[in-house]
Amino acid sequence: MDEDTIITAMERRRELRDRNVHDVVELLQRREELKGVYPMADLVVDNLGWVV
């Protein structure tokens, strides 16, 4: 693997991570009844929701 491939893969993973966090926050803001179902998702919303 060359360095460009590694950098591209790392950027792609970072983009996917950011998109997934955004989607979880958005979902739990739209669907209040889902809060409390999965504690890790609640933690993401509470701690990172203001950033997204």
PDB file of N, CA and C in Angstrom:
ATOM      1  N   MET A   1       0.834  -1.180   0.000  1.00  0.00           N
ATOM      2  CA  MET A   1       0.000   0.000   0.000  1.00  0.00           C
ATOM      3  C   MET A   1       0.879   1.243   0.000  1.00  0.00           C
ATOM      4  N   ASP A   2       0.562   2.162  -0.880  1.00  0.00           N
ATOM      5  CA  ASP A   2       1.348   3.386  -0.878  1.00  0.00           C
ATOM      6  C   ASP A   2       0.724   4.428   0.057  1.00  0.00           C
ATOM      7  N   GLU A   3       1.460   5.481   0.287  1.00  0.00           N
ATOM      8  CA  GLU A   3       1.044   6.492   1.259  1.00  0.00           C
ATOM      9  C   GLU A   3      -0.251   7.192   0.852  1.00  0.00           C
ATOM     10  N   ASP A   4      -0.437   7.461  -0.443  1.00  0.00           N
ATOM     11  CA  ASP A   4      -1.658   8.121  -0.915  1.00  0.00           C
ATOM     12  C   ASP A   4      -2.895   7.271  -0.646  1.00  0.00           C
ATOM     13  N   THR A   5      -2.771   5.974  -0.831  1.00  0.00           N
ATOM     14  CA  THR A   5      -3.886   5.064  -0.575  1.00  0.00           C
ATOM     15  C   THR A   5      -4.256   5.064   0.900  1.00  0.00           C
ATOM     16  N   ILE A   6      -3.259   5.065   1.748  1.00  0.00           N
ATOM     17  CA  ILE A   6      -3.496   5.081   3.194  1.00  0.00           C
ATOM     18  C   ILE A   6      -4.163   6.383   3.607  1.00  0.00           C
ATOM     19  N   ILE A   7      -3.681   7.507   3.089  1.00  0.00           N
ATOM     20  CA  ILE A   7      -4.266   8.811   3.421  1.00  0.00           C
ATOM     21  C   ILE A   7      -5.712   8.880   2.949  1.00  0.00           C
ATOM     22  N   THR A   8      -5.985   8.403   1.752  1.00  0.00           N
ATOM     23  CA  THR A   8      -7.347   8.392   1.220  1.00  0.00           C
ATOM     24  C   THR A   8      -8.259   7.536   2.082  1.00  0.00           C
ATOM     25  N   ALA A   9      -7.785   6.380   2.494  1.00  0.00           N
ATOM     26  CA  ALA A   9      -8.587   5.485   3.333  1.00  0.00           C
ATOM     27  C   ALA A   9      -8.873   6.126   4.690  1.00  0.00           C
ATOM     28  N   MET A  10      -7.897   6.796   5.257  1.00  0.00           N
ATOM     29  CA  MET A  10      -8.103   7.450   6.550  1.00  0.00           C
ATOM     30  C   MET A  10      -9.102   8.600   6.443  1.00  0.00           C
ATOM     31  N   GLU A  11      -9.031   9.371   5.372  1.00  0.00           N
ATOM     32  CA  GLU A  11      -9.987  10.455   5.161  1.00  0.00           C
ATOM     33  C   GLU A  11     -11.401   9.906   4.994  1.00  0.00           C
ATOM     34  N   ARG A  12     -11.519   8.823   4.259  1.00  0.00           N
ATOM     35  CA  ARG A  12     -12.832   8.188   4.041  1.00  0.00           C
ATOM     36  C   ARG A  12     -13.424   7.713   5.368  1.00  0.00           C
ATOM     37  N   ARG A  13     -12.622   7.085   6.202  1.00  0.00           N
ATOM     38  CA  ARG A  13     -13.100   6.616   7.507  1.00  0.00           C
ATOM     39  C   ARG A  13     -13.545   7.781   8.380  1.00  0.00           C
ATOM     40  N   ARG A  14     -12.799   8.873   8.348  1.00  0.00           N
ATOM     41  CA  ARG A  14     -13.141  10.061   9.123  1.00  0.00           C
ATOM     42  C   ARG A  14     -14.477  10.638   8.661  1.00  0.00           C
ATOM     43  N   GLU A  15     -14.676  10.694   7.356  1.00  0.00           N
ATOM     44  CA  GLU A  15     -15.940  11.198   6.807  1.00  0.00           C
ATOM     45  C   GLU A  15     -17.109  10.307   7.216  1.00  0.00           C
ATOM     46  N   LEU A  16     -16.921   9.004   7.143  1.00  0.00           N
ATOM     47  CA  LEU A  16     -17.987   8.072   7.530  1.00  0.00           C
ATOM     48  C   LEU A  16     -18.313   8.190   9.012  1.00  0.00           C
ATOM     49  N   ARG A  17     -17.289   8.324   9.848  1.00  0.00           N
ATOM     50  CA  ARG A  17     -17.502   8.476  11.287  1.00  0.00           C
ATOM     51  C   ARG A  17     -18.316   9.732  11.567  1.00  0.00           C
ATOM     52  N   ASP A  18     -17.936  10.830  10.949  1.00  0.00           N
ATOM     53  CA  ASP A  18     -18.652  12.092  11.159  1.00  0.00           C
ATOM     54  C   ASP A  18     -20.096  11.993  10.689  1.00  0.00           C
ATOM     55  N   ARG A  19     -20.296  11.360   9.546  1.00  0.00           N
ATOM     56  CA  ARG A  19     -21.659  11.219   9.011  1.00  0.00           C
ATOM     57  C   ARG A  19     -22.507  10.339   9.924  1.00  0.00           C
ATOM     58  N   ASN A  20     -21.926   9.264  10.439  1.00  0.00           N
ATOM     59  CA  ASN A  20     -22.677   8.368  11.308  1.00  0.00           C
ATOM     60  C   ASN A  20     -23.068   9.044  12.611  1.00  0.00           C
ATOM     61  N   VAL A  21     -22.164   9.823  13.191  1.00  0.00           N
ATOM     62  CA  VAL A  21     -22.481  10.560  14.420  1.00  0.00           C
ATOM     63  C   VAL A  21     -23.606  11.543  14.144  1.00  0.00           C
ATOM     64  N   HIS A  22     -23.506  12.253  13.033  1.00  0.00           N
ATOM     65  CA  HIS A  22     -24.548  13.216  12.666  1.00  0.00           C
ATOM     66  C   HIS A  22     -25.899  12.521  12.524  1.00  0.00           C
ATOM     67  N   ASP A  23     -25.914  11.364  11.876  1.00  0.00           N
ATOM     68  CA  ASP A  23     -27.164  10.634  11.663  1.00  0.00           C
ATOM     69  C   ASP A  23     -27.783  10.162  12.973  1.00  0.00           C
ATOM     70  N   VAL A  24     -26.966   9.695  13.909  1.00  0.00           N
ATOM     71  CA  VAL A  24     -27.482   9.254  15.209  1.00  0.00           C
ATOM     72  C   VAL A  24     -28.090  10.436  15.956  1.00  0.00           C
ATOM     73  N   VAL A  25     -27.388  11.554  15.965  1.00  0.00           N
ATOM     74  CA  VAL A  25     -27.885  12.749  16.656  1.00  0.00           C
ATOM     75  C   VAL A  25     -29.201  13.209  16.028  1.00  0.00           C
ATOM     76  N   GLU A  26     -29.237  13.264  14.727  1.00  0.00           N
ATOM     77  CA  GLU A  26     -30.447  13.707  14.029  1.00  0.00           C
ATOM     78  C   GLU A  26     -31.621  12.767  14.306  1.00  0.00           C
ATOM     79  N   LEU A  27     -31.383  11.468  14.260  1.00  0.00           N
ATOM     80  CA  LEU A  27     -32.435  10.493  14.516  1.00  0.00           C
ATOM     81  C   LEU A  27     -33.005  10.637  15.919  1.00  0.00           C
ATOM     82  N   LEU A  28     -32.134  10.757  16.911  1.00  0.00           N
ATOM     83  CA  LEU A  28     -32.617  10.854  18.280  1.00  0.00           C
ATOM     84  C   LEU A  28     -33.272  12.201  18.570  1.00  0.00           C
ATOM     85  N   GLN A  29     -32.966  13.215  17.796  1.00  0.00           N
ATOM     86  CA  GLN A  29     -33.661  14.488  17.944  1.00  0.00           C
ATOM     87  C   GLN A  29     -35.052  14.413  17.338  1.00  0.00           C
ATOM     88  N   ARG A  30     -35.199  13.667  16.248  1.00  0.00           N
ATOM     89  CA  ARG A  30     -36.504  13.513  15.591  1.00  0.00           C
ATOM     90  C   ARG A  30     -37.404  12.534  16.328  1.00  0.00           C
ATOM     91  N   ARG A  31     -36.830  11.483  16.873  1.00  0.00           N
ATOM     92  CA  ARG A  31     -37.618  10.397  17.481  1.00  0.00           C
ATOM     93  C   ARG A  31     -37.292  10.289  18.962  1.00  0.00           C
ATOM     94  N   GLU A  32     -37.930  11.120  19.741  1.00  0.00           N
ATOM     95  CA  GLU A  32     -37.684  11.184  21.190  1.00  0.00           C
ATOM     96  C   GLU A  32     -37.905   9.828  21.874  1.00  0.00           C
ATOM     97  N   GLU A  33     -38.797   9.004  21.339  1.00  0.00           N
ATOM     98  CA  GLU A  33     -39.098   7.723  21.989  1.00  0.00           C
ATOM     99  C   GLU A  33     -37.925   6.747  21.940  1.00  0.00           C
ATOM    100  N   LEU A  34     -36.926   7.019  21.117  1.00  0.00           N
ATOM    101  CA  LEU A  34     -35.761   6.140  21.028  1.00  0.00           C
ATOM    102  C   LEU A  34     -34.730   6.413  22.119  1.00  0.00           C
ATOM    103  N   LYS A  35     -34.844   7.548  22.767  1.00  0.00           N
ATOM    104  CA  LYS A  35     -33.884   7.861  23.830  1.00  0.00           C
ATOM    105  C   LYS A  35     -34.009   6.843  24.951  1.00  0.00           C
ATOM    106  N   GLY A  36     -32.886   6.377  25.422  1.00  0.00           N
ATOM    107  CA  GLY A  36     -32.861   5.391  26.494  1.00  0.00           C
ATOM    108  C   GLY A  36     -32.797   3.958  26.007  1.00  0.00           C
ATOM    109  N   VAL A  37     -32.990   3.731  24.705  1.00  0.00           N
ATOM    110  CA  VAL A  37     -32.942   2.374  24.165  1.00  0.00           C
ATOM    111  C   VAL A  37     -31.506   1.871  24.106  1.00  0.00           C
ATOM    112  N   TYR A  38     -30.606   2.716  23.675  1.00  0.00           N
ATOM    113  CA  TYR A  38     -29.199   2.336  23.564  1.00  0.00           C
ATOM    114  C   TYR A  38     -28.356   3.423  24.231  1.00  0.00           C
ATOM    115  N   PRO A  39     -27.852   3.139  25.422  1.00  0.00           N
ATOM    116  CA  PRO A  39     -27.144   4.168  26.207  1.00  0.00           C
ATOM    117  C   PRO A  39     -25.985   4.841  25.472  1.00  0.00           C
ATOM    118  N   MET A  40     -25.264   4.104  24.629  1.00  0.00           N
ATOM    119  CA  MET A  40     -24.142   4.709  23.917  1.00  0.00           C
ATOM    120  C   MET A  40     -24.633   5.789  22.947  1.00  0.00           C
ATOM    121  N   ALA A  41     -25.756   5.562  22.307  1.00  0.00           N
ATOM    122  CA  ALA A  41     -26.320   6.572  21.408  1.00  0.00           C
ATOM    123  C   ALA A  41     -26.727   7.805  22.199  1.00  0.00           C
ATOM    124  N   ASP A  42     -27.293   7.612  23.374  1.00  0.00           N
ATOM    125  CA  ASP A  42     -27.656   8.752  24.227  1.00  0.00           C
ATOM    126  C   ASP A  42     -26.413   9.553  24.604  1.00  0.00           C
ATOM    127  N   LEU A  43     -25.342   8.856  24.897  1.00  0.00           N
ATOM    128  CA  LEU A  43     -24.090   9.516  25.251  1.00  0.00           C
ATOM    129  C   LEU A  43     -23.579  10.360  24.080  1.00  0.00           C
ATOM    130  N   VAL A  44     -23.664   9.819  22.888  1.00  0.00           N
ATOM    131  CA  VAL A  44     -23.237  10.559  21.695  1.00  0.00           C
ATOM    132  C   VAL A  44     -24.056  11.827  21.544  1.00  0.00           C
ATOM    133  N   VAL A  45     -25.360  11.705  21.680  1.00  0.00           N
ATOM    134  CA  VAL A  45     -26.238  12.875  21.528  1.00  0.00           C
ATOM    135  C   VAL A  45     -25.938  13.908  22.599  1.00  0.00           C
ATOM    136  N   ASP A  46     -25.784  13.470  23.835  1.00  0.00           N
ATOM    137  CA  ASP A  46     -25.541  14.405  24.934  1.00  0.00           C
ATOM    138  C   ASP A  46     -24.192  15.111  24.805  1.00  0.00           C
ATOM    139  N   ASN A  47     -23.174  14.382  24.377  1.00  0.00           N
ATOM    140  CA  ASN A  47     -21.827  14.948  24.349  1.00  0.00           C
ATOM    141  C   ASN A  47     -21.400  15.548  23.019  1.00  0.00           C
ATOM    142  N   LEU A  48     -21.943  15.056  21.933  1.00  0.00           N
ATOM    143  CA  LEU A  48     -21.504  15.526  20.627  1.00  0.00           C
ATOM    144  C   LEU A  48     -22.595  16.228  19.834  1.00  0.00           C
ATOM    145  N   GLY A  49     -23.793  16.154  20.304  1.00  0.00           N
ATOM    146  CA  GLY A  49     -24.917  16.736  19.563  1.00  0.00           C
ATOM    147  C   GLY A  49     -24.777  18.203  19.278  1.00  0.00           C
ATOM    148  N   TRP A  50     -24.195  18.944  20.176  1.00  0.00           N
ATOM    149  CA  TRP A  50     -24.060  20.385  19.969  1.00  0.00           C
ATOM    150  C   TRP A  50     -23.028  20.720  18.909  1.00  0.00           C
ATOM    151  N   VAL A  51     -22.154  19.772  18.587  1.00  0.00           N
ATOM    152  CA  VAL A  51     -21.115  20.010  17.591  1.00  0.00           C
ATOM    153  C   VAL A  51     -21.655  19.845  16.178  1.00  0.00           C
ATOM    154  N   VAL A  52     -22.572  18.906  16.011  1.00  0.00           N
ATOM    155  CA  VAL A  52     -23.063  18.549  14.674  1.00  0.00           C
ATOM    156  C   VAL A  52     -23.997  19.577  14.138  1.00  0.00           C
TER     157      VAL A  52
END
